[in-house]
C-alpha atoms as a PDB file:
ATOM      1  CA  UNK A   1     -42.174  12.536  -0.799  1.00  0.00           C
ATOM      2  CA  UNK A   2     -43.526  13.171  -3.892  1.00  0.00           C
ATOM      3  CA  UNK A   3     -45.835  10.539  -6.179  1.00  0.00           C
ATOM      4  CA  UNK A   4     -43.712   8.667  -8.685  1.00  0.00           C
ATOM      5  CA  UNK A   5     -40.565  11.108  -8.441  1.00  0.00           C
ATOM      6  CA  UNK A   6     -37.364  11.108  -7.118  1.00  0.00           C
ATOM      7  CA  UNK A   7     -36.403  12.086  -3.714  1.00  0.00           C
ATOM      8  CA  UNK A   8     -33.672  14.486  -3.204  1.00  0.00           C
ATOM      9  CA  UNK A   9     -31.146  13.670  -0.826  1.00  0.00           C
ATOM     10  CA  UNK A  10     -28.928  16.269   0.909  1.00  0.00           C
ATOM     11  CA  UNK A  11     -24.966  15.147   1.366  1.00  0.00           C
ATOM     12  CA  UNK A  12     -22.832  16.889   4.309  1.00  0.00           C
ATOM     13  CA  UNK A  13     -20.808  19.189   3.988  1.00  0.00           C
ATOM     14  CA  UNK A  14     -17.010  18.634   2.864  1.00  0.00           C
ATOM     15  CA  UNK A  15     -13.787  19.879   3.424  1.00  0.00           C
ATOM     16  CA  UNK A  16     -12.705  18.695  -0.203  1.00  0.00           C
ATOM     17  CA  UNK A  17     -11.948  21.792  -2.407  1.00  0.00           C
ATOM     18  CA  UNK A  18     -11.729  24.576   0.592  1.00  0.00           C
ATOM     19  CA  UNK A  19      -8.991  26.809   0.433  1.00  0.00           C
ATOM     20  CA  UNK A  20      -7.022  26.948   3.543  1.00  0.00           C
ATOM     21  CA  UNK A  21      -5.442  30.052   5.223  1.00  0.00           C
ATOM     22  CA  UNK A  22      -2.560  30.189   2.747  1.00  0.00           C
ATOM     23  CA  UNK A  23      -4.901  30.066  -0.541  1.00  0.00           C
ATOM     24  CA  UNK A  24      -3.887  26.442  -1.304  1.00  0.00           C
ATOM     25  CA  UNK A  25      -6.868  23.792  -1.521  1.00  0.00           C
ATOM     26  CA  UNK A  26      -6.807  21.558   1.583  1.00  0.00           C
ATOM     27  CA  UNK A  27      -6.303  18.162   1.229  1.00  0.00           C
ATOM     28  CA  UNK A  28      -8.688  15.420   3.287  1.00  0.00           C
ATOM     29  CA  UNK A  29      -6.990  13.269   5.531  1.00  0.00           C
ATOM     30  CA  UNK A  30      -8.345  10.246   6.071  1.00  0.00           C
ATOM     31  CA  UNK A  31      -5.208   7.691   6.983  1.00  0.00           C
ATOM     32  CA  UNK A  32      -6.950   5.229   4.417  1.00  0.00           C
ATOM     33  CA  UNK A  33      -5.730   3.626   1.040  1.00  0.00           C
ATOM     34  CA  UNK A  34      -7.146   6.234  -2.008  1.00  0.00           C
ATOM     35  CA  UNK A  35      -6.329   4.666  -5.237  1.00  0.00           C
ATOM     36  CA  UNK A  36      -5.081   7.959  -7.567  1.00  0.00           C
ATOM     37  CA  UNK A  37      -5.983   8.253 -11.172  1.00  0.00           C
ATOM     38  CA  UNK A  38      -2.659   6.482 -12.222  1.00  0.00           C
ATOM     39  CA  UNK A  39      -1.751   3.077 -11.307  1.00  0.00           C
ATOM     40  CA  UNK A  40       2.664   3.555 -10.703  1.00  0.00           C
ATOM     41  CA  UNK A  41       4.298   1.222 -13.702  1.00  0.00           C
ATOM     42  CA  UNK A  42       7.503   1.054 -11.955  1.00  0.00           C
ATOM     43  CA  UNK A  43       8.918  -2.649 -12.578  1.00  0.00           C
ATOM     44  CA  UNK A  44      10.789  -4.854  -9.839  1.00  0.00           C
ATOM     45  CA  UNK A  45      14.125  -3.307 -10.937  1.00  0.00           C
ATOM     46  CA  UNK A  46      12.772   0.370 -10.582  1.00  0.00           C
ATOM     47  CA  UNK A  47      11.691  -0.498  -7.254  1.00  0.00           C
ATOM     48  CA  UNK A  48      14.969  -2.175  -6.007  1.00  0.00           C
ATOM     49  CA  UNK A  49      17.055   0.917  -7.154  1.00  0.00           C
ATOM     50  CA  UNK A  50      14.555   3.452  -6.096  1.00  0.00           C
ATOM     51  CA  UNK A  51      15.718   6.014  -3.609  1.00  0.00           C
ATOM     52  CA  UNK A  52      14.244   6.317  -0.286  1.00  0.00           C
ATOM     53  CA  UNK A  53      12.540   9.817  -0.933  1.00  0.00           C
ATOM     54  CA  UNK A  54      10.767   8.672  -3.751  1.00  0.00           C
ATOM     55  CA  UNK A  55       9.630   5.665  -2.285  1.00  0.00           C
ATOM     56  CA  UNK A  56       8.208   7.526   0.614  1.00  0.00           C
ATOM     57  CA  UNK A  57       6.313  10.125  -1.810  1.00  0.00           C
ATOM     58  CA  UNK A  58       4.858   7.032  -3.720  1.00  0.00           C
ATOM     59  CA  UNK A  59       3.761   5.340  -0.515  1.00  0.00           C
ATOM     60  CA  UNK A  60       2.055   8.962   1.110  1.00  0.00           C
ATOM     61  CA  UNK A  61       0.311   9.631  -2.486  1.00  0.00           C
ATOM     62  CA  UNK A  62      -1.420   6.031  -2.285  1.00  0.00           C
ATOM     63  CA  UNK A  63      -2.082   6.570   1.447  1.00  0.00           C
ATOM     64  CA  UNK A  64       0.054   3.766   2.545  1.00  0.00           C
ATOM     65  CA  UNK A  65       2.433   3.196   5.338  1.00  0.00           C
ATOM     66  CA  UNK A  66       6.014   4.849   4.936  1.00  0.00           C
ATOM     67  CA  UNK A  67       7.304   3.323   8.502  1.00  0.00           C
ATOM     68  CA  UNK A  68      10.441   0.842   8.326  1.00  0.00           C
ATOM     69  CA  UNK A  69      13.974   1.220   6.763  1.00  0.00           C
ATOM     70  CA  UNK A  70      14.578   1.746   2.900  1.00  0.00           C
ATOM     71  CA  UNK A  71      14.392  -2.254   2.012  1.00  0.00           C
ATOM     72  CA  UNK A  72      11.274  -2.854   3.964  1.00  0.00           C
ATOM     73  CA  UNK A  73       9.865  -0.022   2.086  1.00  0.00           C
ATOM     74  CA  UNK A  74      10.953  -1.262  -1.003  1.00  0.00           C
ATOM     75  CA  UNK A  75       9.044  -4.594  -0.247  1.00  0.00           C
ATOM     76  CA  UNK A  76       6.052  -3.365   0.723  1.00  0.00           C
ATOM     77  CA  UNK A  77       5.927  -1.304  -2.430  1.00  0.00           C
ATOM     78  CA  UNK A  78       6.333  -4.134  -4.351  1.00  0.00           C
ATOM     79  CA  UNK A  79       4.057  -6.349  -2.583  1.00  0.00           C
ATOM     80  CA  UNK A  80       1.488  -3.711  -3.139  1.00  0.00           C
ATOM     81  CA  UNK A  81       2.146  -2.446  -6.773  1.00  0.00           C
ATOM     82  CA  UNK A  82       3.763  -5.740  -8.663  1.00  0.00           C
ATOM     83  CA  UNK A  83       1.246  -8.054  -9.983  1.00  0.00           C
ATOM     84  CA  UNK A  84       2.358 -11.872 -10.059  1.00  0.00           C
ATOM     85  CA  UNK A  85       3.197 -13.339 -13.333  1.00  0.00           C
END
């Protein structure tokens, strides 16, 4: 350790940003919630009419579970993303 200086900390290597066999960037799969840069801006009406494949994509993007029928997914998405007024 040096006097009055800052100590360098080495971070462990990460897979983030590494290219896989097909040349595509691999995404770390942690199974935990990850907040993308943009919060979804759908209304209650949007969620109530959203197609199941779109709900699946939205929930997957945020690392949330995509189990259950379409009504359960809608309720889950509304609970996760809509703010009470």
